[in-house]
Protein backbone atom coordinates (compact mmCIF):
# COMPACT_ATOMS: atom_id res chain seq x y z
CA UNK A 1 -17.67 71.75 -33.83
CA UNK A 2 -18.44 75.06 -32.22
CA UNK A 3 -21.29 75.55 -29.74
CA UNK A 4 -22.98 77.57 -32.46
CA UNK A 5 -22.81 74.82 -35.15
CA UNK A 6 -24.11 72.45 -32.57
CA UNK A 7 -26.98 74.70 -31.91
CA UNK A 8 -27.78 75.03 -35.69
CA UNK A 9 -27.92 71.11 -35.79
CA UNK A 10 -30.14 71.00 -32.83
CA UNK A 11 -32.51 73.48 -34.41
CA UNK A 12 -32.57 71.34 -37.56
CA UNK A 13 -33.18 68.23 -35.48
CA UNK A 14 -35.72 69.45 -33.18
CA UNK A 15 -37.75 71.75 -35.41
CA UNK A 16 -38.05 69.28 -38.25
CA UNK A 17 -41.56 68.21 -37.00
CA UNK A 18 -42.45 70.95 -34.53
CA UNK A 19 -43.23 74.63 -34.96
CA UNK A 20 -41.38 77.38 -33.16
CA UNK A 21 -44.34 78.59 -31.43
CA UNK A 22 -45.00 74.87 -30.11
CA UNK A 23 -41.38 74.78 -28.54
CA UNK A 24 -41.90 78.41 -27.09
CA UNK A 25 -44.93 77.40 -25.35
CA UNK A 26 -43.28 74.12 -24.12
CA UNK A 27 -40.21 76.35 -22.95
CA UNK A 28 -42.43 78.43 -20.70
CA UNK A 29 -44.13 75.17 -19.28
CA UNK A 30 -40.59 73.69 -18.70
CA UNK A 31 -39.36 76.80 -17.03
CA UNK A 32 -42.41 76.61 -14.69
CA UNK A 33 -41.54 73.05 -14.00
CA UNK A 34 -38.18 73.77 -12.81
CA UNK A 35 -38.89 77.04 -11.00
CA UNK A 36 -42.30 76.96 -9.63
CA UNK A 37 -43.58 73.29 -9.56
CA UNK A 38 -40.00 71.54 -9.21
CA UNK A 39 -40.87 69.14 -6.36
CA UNK A 40 -44.20 67.63 -7.70
CA UNK A 41 -43.19 67.93 -11.48
CA UNK A 42 -39.87 66.11 -10.98
CA UNK A 43 -41.26 63.50 -8.79
CA UNK A 44 -43.79 62.67 -11.37
CA UNK A 45 -41.22 62.79 -14.44
CA UNK A 46 -42.96 65.60 -16.01
CA UNK A 47 -40.02 67.73 -17.05
CA UNK A 48 -39.56 65.77 -20.33
CA UNK A 49 -43.23 64.86 -20.83
CA UNK A 50 -43.90 65.59 -24.51
CA UNK A 51 -41.98 66.33 -27.82
CA UNK A 52 -42.41 69.95 -27.11
CA UNK A 53 -40.76 69.93 -23.65
CA UNK A 54 -37.94 67.70 -25.03
CA UNK A 55 -37.12 69.83 -27.95
CA UNK A 56 -37.24 72.94 -25.72
CA UNK A 57 -34.71 71.32 -23.24
CA UNK A 58 -32.30 70.27 -25.89
CA UNK A 59 -32.53 73.56 -27.92
CA UNK A 60 -32.50 75.98 -24.93
CA UNK A 61 -30.83 74.43 -21.92
CA UNK A 62 -28.43 72.21 -24.02
CA UNK A 63 -26.38 75.12 -25.43
CA UNK A 64 -26.59 77.08 -22.28
CA UNK A 65 -25.32 74.34 -20.14
CA UNK A 66 -22.42 73.30 -22.61
CA UNK A 67 -21.35 77.17 -22.58
CA UNK A 68 -21.53 77.22 -18.76
CA UNK A 69 -19.61 74.03 -18.05
CA UNK A 70 -17.08 74.87 -20.89
CA UNK A 71 -16.50 78.28 -18.95
CA UNK A 72 -16.29 76.59 -15.63
CA UNK A 73 -13.78 74.11 -16.52
CA UNK A 74 -11.62 76.57 -18.54
CA UNK A 75 -11.65 79.04 -15.80
CA UNK A 76 -10.75 76.43 -13.06
CA UNK A 77 -7.61 75.51 -15.38
CA UNK A 78 -8.53 71.86 -15.23
CA UNK A 79 -5.79 69.59 -16.61
CA UNK A 80 -7.07 66.15 -17.67
CA UNK A 81 -5.18 63.05 -17.88
CA UNK A 82 -6.13 60.82 -20.85
CA UNK A 83 -9.14 58.60 -20.13
CA UNK A 84 -12.78 58.68 -19.59
CA UNK A 85 -15.33 61.42 -18.61
CA UNK A 86 -18.19 59.92 -16.77
CA UNK A 87 -21.24 62.12 -17.33
CA UNK A 88 -23.56 61.10 -14.59
CA UNK A 89 -27.35 62.00 -15.16
CA UNK A 90 -26.10 63.11 -18.47
CA UNK A 91 -29.29 64.44 -19.99
CA UNK A 92 -28.58 65.70 -23.46
CA UNK A 93 -24.84 64.97 -22.89
CA UNK A 94 -23.52 68.62 -22.91
CA UNK A 95 -21.87 68.51 -19.63
CA UNK A 96 -19.53 65.50 -20.56
CA UNK A 97 -19.08 66.88 -24.16
CA UNK A 98 -17.92 70.26 -23.05
CA UNK A 99 -15.36 68.52 -20.95
CA UNK A 100 -14.25 65.82 -23.17
CA UNK A 101 -14.03 68.29 -26.25
CA UNK A 102 -12.05 70.79 -24.05
CA UNK A 103 -9.10 68.30 -23.81
CA UNK A 104 -6.35 67.76 -26.17
CA UNK A 105 -6.77 65.23 -27.41
CA UNK A 106 -10.44 64.82 -26.80
CA UNK A 107 -11.47 62.35 -24.25
CA UNK A 108 -13.67 59.40 -24.35
CA UNK A 109 -17.19 60.06 -22.64
CA UNK A 110 -19.59 57.67 -20.84
CA UNK A 111 -23.11 59.07 -20.53
CA UNK A 112 -25.41 57.52 -17.96
CA UNK A 113 -29.14 58.21 -17.62
CA UNK A 114 -32.41 56.70 -16.83
CA UNK A 115 -34.56 58.39 -19.62
CA UNK A 116 -34.51 56.73 -23.14
CA UNK A 117 -34.97 60.15 -24.76
CA UNK A 118 -31.96 61.52 -23.01
CA UNK A 119 -29.72 58.73 -23.81
CA UNK A 120 -30.42 59.08 -27.69
CA UNK A 121 -30.09 62.87 -27.36
CA UNK A 122 -26.72 62.26 -25.64
CA UNK A 123 -25.58 59.90 -28.48
CA UNK A 124 -26.40 62.77 -30.77
CA UNK A 125 -24.27 65.33 -28.87
CA UNK A 126 -21.32 63.26 -28.32
CA UNK A 127 -21.28 62.44 -32.00
CA UNK A 128 -21.70 65.83 -33.06
CA UNK A 129 -18.53 66.85 -31.19
CA UNK A 130 -16.77 63.74 -32.80
CA UNK A 131 -16.31 62.21 -29.42
CA UNK A 132 -15.76 58.52 -28.86
CA UNK A 133 -18.71 57.58 -26.46
CA UNK A 134 -20.59 54.87 -24.78
CA UNK A 135 -24.14 55.58 -23.40
CA UNK A 136 -25.69 53.40 -20.73
CA UNK A 137 -29.27 53.42 -19.15
CA UNK A 138 -28.46 53.40 -15.46
CA UNK A 139 -29.05 55.39 -12.29
CA UNK A 140 -26.43 58.22 -11.44
CA UNK A 141 -25.82 57.23 -7.95
CA UNK A 142 -25.35 53.44 -8.73
CA UNK A 143 -22.92 53.31 -11.73
CA UNK A 144 -19.64 51.59 -11.66
CA UNK A 145 -16.95 53.90 -13.03
CA UNK A 146 -14.45 52.46 -15.85
CA UNK A 147 -11.25 51.81 -14.65
CA UNK A 148 -9.67 54.60 -16.79
CA UNK A 149 -12.06 57.28 -15.56
CA UNK A 150 -10.32 60.59 -15.25
CA UNK A 151 -13.09 62.86 -14.35
CA UNK A 152 -16.60 62.47 -13.16
CA UNK A 153 -19.28 65.14 -13.96
CA UNK A 154 -22.62 65.44 -12.43
CA UNK A 155 -24.40 68.64 -13.80
CA UNK A 156 -27.78 69.68 -12.59
CA UNK A 157 -28.61 66.11 -11.38
CA UNK A 158 -27.69 65.72 -7.69
CA UNK A 159 -30.56 68.10 -6.52
CA UNK A 160 -32.96 65.63 -8.31
CA UNK A 161 -31.71 62.62 -6.23
CA UNK A 162 -33.50 61.38 -3.04
CA UNK A 163 -31.74 61.62 0.22
CA UNK A 164 -30.39 58.13 0.23
CA UNK A 165 -29.16 58.17 -3.39
CA UNK A 166 -27.56 61.29 -2.81
CA UNK A 167 -25.66 60.15 0.21
CA UNK A 168 -24.72 57.20 -1.57
CA UNK A 169 -23.25 59.22 -4.57
CA UNK A 170 -21.24 61.44 -2.10
CA UNK A 171 -19.55 58.24 -0.60
CA UNK A 172 -18.96 56.83 -3.92
CA UNK A 173 -17.25 60.02 -5.31
CA UNK A 174 -15.08 60.29 -2.17
CA UNK A 175 -13.84 56.70 -2.57
CA UNK A 176 -13.17 57.34 -6.36
CA UNK A 177 -11.17 60.39 -5.58
CA UNK A 178 -9.24 58.70 -2.88
CA UNK A 179 -8.26 55.82 -4.87
CA UNK A 180 -5.91 57.75 -7.23
CA UNK A 181 -2.86 55.89 -7.23
CA UNK A 182 -0.38 58.85 -8.31
CA UNK A 183 -0.69 62.59 -9.22
CA UNK A 184 -0.12 61.23 -12.87
CA UNK A 185 -3.41 59.37 -12.44
CA UNK A 186 -5.25 62.37 -10.94
CA UNK A 187 -9.04 61.94 -10.76
CA UNK A 188 -11.25 64.94 -10.86
CA UNK A 189 -14.89 65.33 -9.77
CA UNK A 190 -17.16 68.37 -10.95
CA UNK A 191 -20.64 68.88 -9.36
CA UNK A 192 -22.67 71.73 -10.97
CA UNK A 193 -26.03 72.92 -9.65
CA UNK A 194 -28.22 75.87 -10.02
CA UNK A 195 -27.38 78.93 -7.87
CA UNK A 196 -30.45 78.66 -5.61
CA UNK A 197 -29.65 77.43 -2.26
CA UNK A 198 -33.45 76.55 -1.79
CA UNK A 199 -33.09 73.79 -4.53
CA UNK A 200 -29.91 72.37 -2.84
CA UNK A 201 -30.34 72.23 0.96
CA UNK A 202 -27.65 69.61 1.00
CA UNK A 203 -24.95 71.88 -0.49
CA UNK A 204 -23.18 72.89 2.74
CA UNK A 205 -22.68 69.08 3.58
CA UNK A 206 -21.27 68.35 0.17
CA UNK A 207 -19.09 71.45 0.10
CA UNK A 208 -17.75 70.37 3.70
CA UNK A 209 -16.88 66.99 2.38
CA UNK A 210 -15.10 68.38 -0.68
CA UNK A 211 -13.24 70.90 1.31
CA UNK A 212 -11.67 68.27 3.72
CA UNK A 213 -10.32 66.62 0.45
CA UNK A 214 -8.80 69.77 -0.61
CA UNK A 215 -11.67 70.71 -3.18
CA UNK A 216 -13.20 74.16 -3.85
CA UNK A 217 -16.57 75.62 -4.00
CA UNK A 218 -17.49 78.32 -6.40
CA UNK A 219 -20.53 80.61 -7.48
CA UNK A 220 -20.51 81.45 -10.93
CA UNK A 221 -22.04 84.50 -12.86
CA UNK A 222 -20.91 84.48 -16.49
CA UNK A 223 -21.92 86.76 -19.45
CA UNK A 224 -21.65 84.59 -22.31
CA UNK A 225 -22.98 85.24 -25.70
CA UNK A 226 -25.56 82.75 -26.69
CA UNK A 227 -26.25 81.03 -30.14
CA UNK A 228 -29.18 82.75 -32.21
CA UNK A 229 -31.80 79.97 -31.61
CA UNK A 230 -31.19 80.38 -27.76
CA UNK A 231 -31.57 84.09 -28.11
CA UNK A 232 -34.74 83.80 -30.07
CA UNK A 233 -36.45 81.16 -27.67
CA UNK A 234 -35.48 83.27 -24.71
CA UNK A 235 -37.04 86.40 -26.34
CA UNK A 236 -40.18 84.60 -27.18
CA UNK A 237 -40.62 83.05 -23.72
CA UNK A 238 -39.84 85.92 -21.59
CA UNK A 239 -36.45 84.38 -20.27
CA UNK A 240 -33.13 86.11 -19.84
CA UNK A 241 -30.06 84.15 -20.47
CA UNK A 242 -27.69 86.92 -20.66
CA UNK A 243 -26.19 86.06 -17.21
CA UNK A 244 -25.39 82.28 -16.81
CA UNK A 245 -25.50 81.42 -13.16
CA UNK A 246 -24.51 78.06 -11.49
CA UNK A 247 -22.59 77.00 -8.18
CA UNK A 248 -19.96 74.22 -8.38
CA UNK A 249 -17.71 71.76 -6.28
CA UNK A 250 -14.62 70.59 -7.72
CA UNK A 251 -11.99 68.15 -6.66
């Protein structure tokens, strides 16, 4: 399945019971949540409060994040060993799906999230791309990785953790990477976050930790064509997805 076909499936799924105007209003509110009222709204779990916001998140940010992570993985030239992609704080599952679907053959994916709606949406995403998957309710910083884990991805989730959980996750990822038995059993870690330094004041600490292990830090600004529904929603909501941006850490 292409990301365009996936976006078409999302459109049918989420606009079956909602009007386009409702999703557009919700997308404006969702954008405000992430940009202007981030600290209070995320702390109160308001980002996915209501069917309109959930549809907007899946329809707009889902395809964009898939395209962005697919671009990052392919540009980095990641060579993945057979095994499982662990998608921490998976949301709609697009991060894990982009990585698992890019491998040949496609990899198994384990999606982990605390939000029941996100887990159901992740199941839909993984199924849409024909991926073997498991979806579990759990905390991104506290999950035990399967023994065959080949890659861990945390896309747009580390910034939402509190300090204690974020520090615990960093220690967990460092141990996971260090436990690789041989180059043939190479273990990868990919962290993707918004480009804004204000959102991620912890970034330098993580970048230093990754750098000491031979990892790399990158800033991404990519012009990638977006599916029609994403372009339509952006135009109606006053958003501009022509340039996809992020920063990443990779081991």
